[in-house]
Amino acid sequence: MIDPTGKVPGRGAYVCDNRQCWLDSLAGKRFERALNVELTESDRATIEAYAASHTAAQESPETETEE
């Protein structure tokens, strides 16, 4: 379960709000170590999808207005 609020009870792992942090955490098995679990392919797919959708807005350039 991904909890962006950090308020769900139980063990968790903090990952910064950057897509590359999420992908690096998956590749380096940091989630498994932090949570003491083995991720299934379904878990990995869920995390990859969340990282892609959650961080996509941050990667797109904002429109700047000139005064």
C-alpha atoms as a PDB file:
ATOM      1  CA  MET A   1       0.000   0.000   0.000  1.00  0.00           C
ATOM      2  CA  ILE A   2       1.331   3.410  -0.898  1.00  0.00           C
ATOM      3  CA  ASP A   3       0.493   6.044   1.704  1.00  0.00           C
ATOM      4  CA  PRO A   4       1.453   9.536   0.538  1.00  0.00           C
ATOM      5  CA  THR A   5       0.238  11.021   3.848  1.00  0.00           C
ATOM      6  CA  GLY A   6       2.427   8.793   6.015  1.00  0.00           C
ATOM      7  CA  LYS A   7      -0.427   8.357   8.492  1.00  0.00           C
ATOM      8  CA  VAL A   8      -1.473   4.741   7.943  1.00  0.00           C
ATOM      9  CA  PRO A   9      -0.412   2.646  10.947  1.00  0.00           C
ATOM     10  CA  GLY A  10       2.262   0.031  10.448  1.00  0.00           C
ATOM     11  CA  ARG A  11       5.729  -0.200   9.025  1.00  0.00           C
ATOM     12  CA  GLY A  12       6.633   2.170   6.201  1.00  0.00           C
ATOM     13  CA  ALA A  13       9.449   3.531   4.121  1.00  0.00           C
ATOM     14  CA  TYR A  14       9.968   7.167   3.174  1.00  0.00           C
ATOM     15  CA  VAL A  15      10.852   7.921  -0.450  1.00  0.00           C
ATOM     16  CA  CYS A  16      11.387  11.450  -1.760  1.00  0.00           C
ATOM     17  CA  ASP A  17       8.973  13.014  -4.245  1.00  0.00           C
ATOM     18  CA  ASN A  18      11.210  12.330  -7.229  1.00  0.00           C
ATOM     19  CA  ARG A  19      10.536   9.645  -9.827  1.00  0.00           C
ATOM     20  CA  GLN A  20      14.182   8.617  -9.963  1.00  0.00           C
ATOM     21  CA  CYS A  21      14.232   8.022  -6.184  1.00  0.00           C
ATOM     22  CA  TRP A  22      11.322   5.601  -6.557  1.00  0.00           C
ATOM     23  CA  LEU A  23      12.936   3.765  -9.452  1.00  0.00           C
ATOM     24  CA  ASP A  24      16.310   3.610  -7.692  1.00  0.00           C
ATOM     25  CA  SER A  25      14.599   2.249  -4.570  1.00  0.00           C
ATOM     26  CA  LEU A  26      13.040  -0.535  -6.634  1.00  0.00           C
ATOM     27  CA  ALA A  27      16.244  -1.357  -8.481  1.00  0.00           C
ATOM     28  CA  GLY A  28      18.353  -1.385  -5.323  1.00  0.00           C
ATOM     29  CA  LYS A  29      15.830  -3.468  -3.377  1.00  0.00           C
ATOM     30  CA  ARG A  30      15.600  -0.715  -0.767  1.00  0.00           C
ATOM     31  CA  PHE A  31      11.886  -1.352  -0.235  1.00  0.00           C
ATOM     32  CA  GLU A  32      12.548  -5.008   0.576  1.00  0.00           C
ATOM     33  CA  ARG A  33      15.250  -4.111   3.099  1.00  0.00           C
ATOM     34  CA  ALA A  34      13.307  -1.264   4.723  1.00  0.00           C
ATOM     35  CA  LEU A  35      10.057  -3.220   4.979  1.00  0.00           C
ATOM     36  CA  ASN A  36      11.614  -6.659   5.525  1.00  0.00           C
ATOM     37  CA  VAL A  37       9.501  -8.175   2.725  1.00  0.00           C
ATOM     38  CA  GLU A  38       9.978  -9.580  -0.759  1.00  0.00           C
ATOM     39  CA  LEU A  39       8.078  -7.585  -3.382  1.00  0.00           C
ATOM     40  CA  THR A  40       5.983  -9.492  -5.894  1.00  0.00           C
ATOM     41  CA  GLU A  41       5.848  -8.502  -9.560  1.00  0.00           C
ATOM     42  CA  SER A  42       2.431  -7.008  -8.815  1.00  0.00           C
ATOM     43  CA  ASP A  43       3.924  -4.909  -5.982  1.00  0.00           C
ATOM     44  CA  ARG A  44       6.690  -3.702  -8.299  1.00  0.00           C
ATOM     45  CA  ALA A  45       4.187  -2.809 -11.035  1.00  0.00           C
ATOM     46  CA  THR A  46       2.073  -0.866  -8.536  1.00  0.00           C
ATOM     47  CA  ILE A  47       5.081   1.105  -7.295  1.00  0.00           C
ATOM     48  CA  GLU A  48       6.296   1.815 -10.843  1.00  0.00           C
ATOM     49  CA  ALA A  49       2.832   3.026 -11.889  1.00  0.00           C
ATOM     50  CA  TYR A  50       2.538   5.230  -8.805  1.00  0.00           C
ATOM     51  CA  ALA A  51       5.975   6.725  -9.380  1.00  0.00           C
ATOM     52  CA  ALA A  52       5.173   7.469 -13.016  1.00  0.00           C
ATOM     53  CA  SER A  53       1.792   9.064 -12.332  1.00  0.00           C
ATOM     54  CA  HIS A  54       2.622  10.812  -9.068  1.00  0.00           C
ATOM     55  CA  THR A  55       5.812  12.443 -10.237  1.00  0.00           C
ATOM     56  CA  ALA A  56       4.804  13.195 -13.844  1.00  0.00           C
ATOM     57  CA  ALA A  57       3.347  16.572 -12.883  1.00  0.00           C
ATOM     58  CA  GLN A  58       6.593  17.582 -11.211  1.00  0.00           C
ATOM     59  CA  GLU A  59       8.664  16.749 -14.278  1.00  0.00           C
ATOM     60  CA  SER A  60       6.620  18.854 -16.689  1.00  0.00           C
ATOM     61  CA  PRO A  61       7.780  22.476 -16.951  1.00  0.00           C
ATOM     62  CA  GLU A  62       5.565  25.104 -15.421  1.00  0.00           C
ATOM     63  CA  THR A  63       4.341  27.999 -17.472  1.00  0.00           C
ATOM     64  CA  GLU A  64       6.101  31.183 -16.460  1.00  0.00           C
ATOM     65  CA  THR A  65       4.609  34.614 -16.894  1.00  0.00           C
ATOM     66  CA  GLU A  66       6.698  37.649 -17.597  1.00  0.00           C
ATOM     67  CA  GLU A  67       5.894  41.008 -16.087  1.00  0.00           C
END
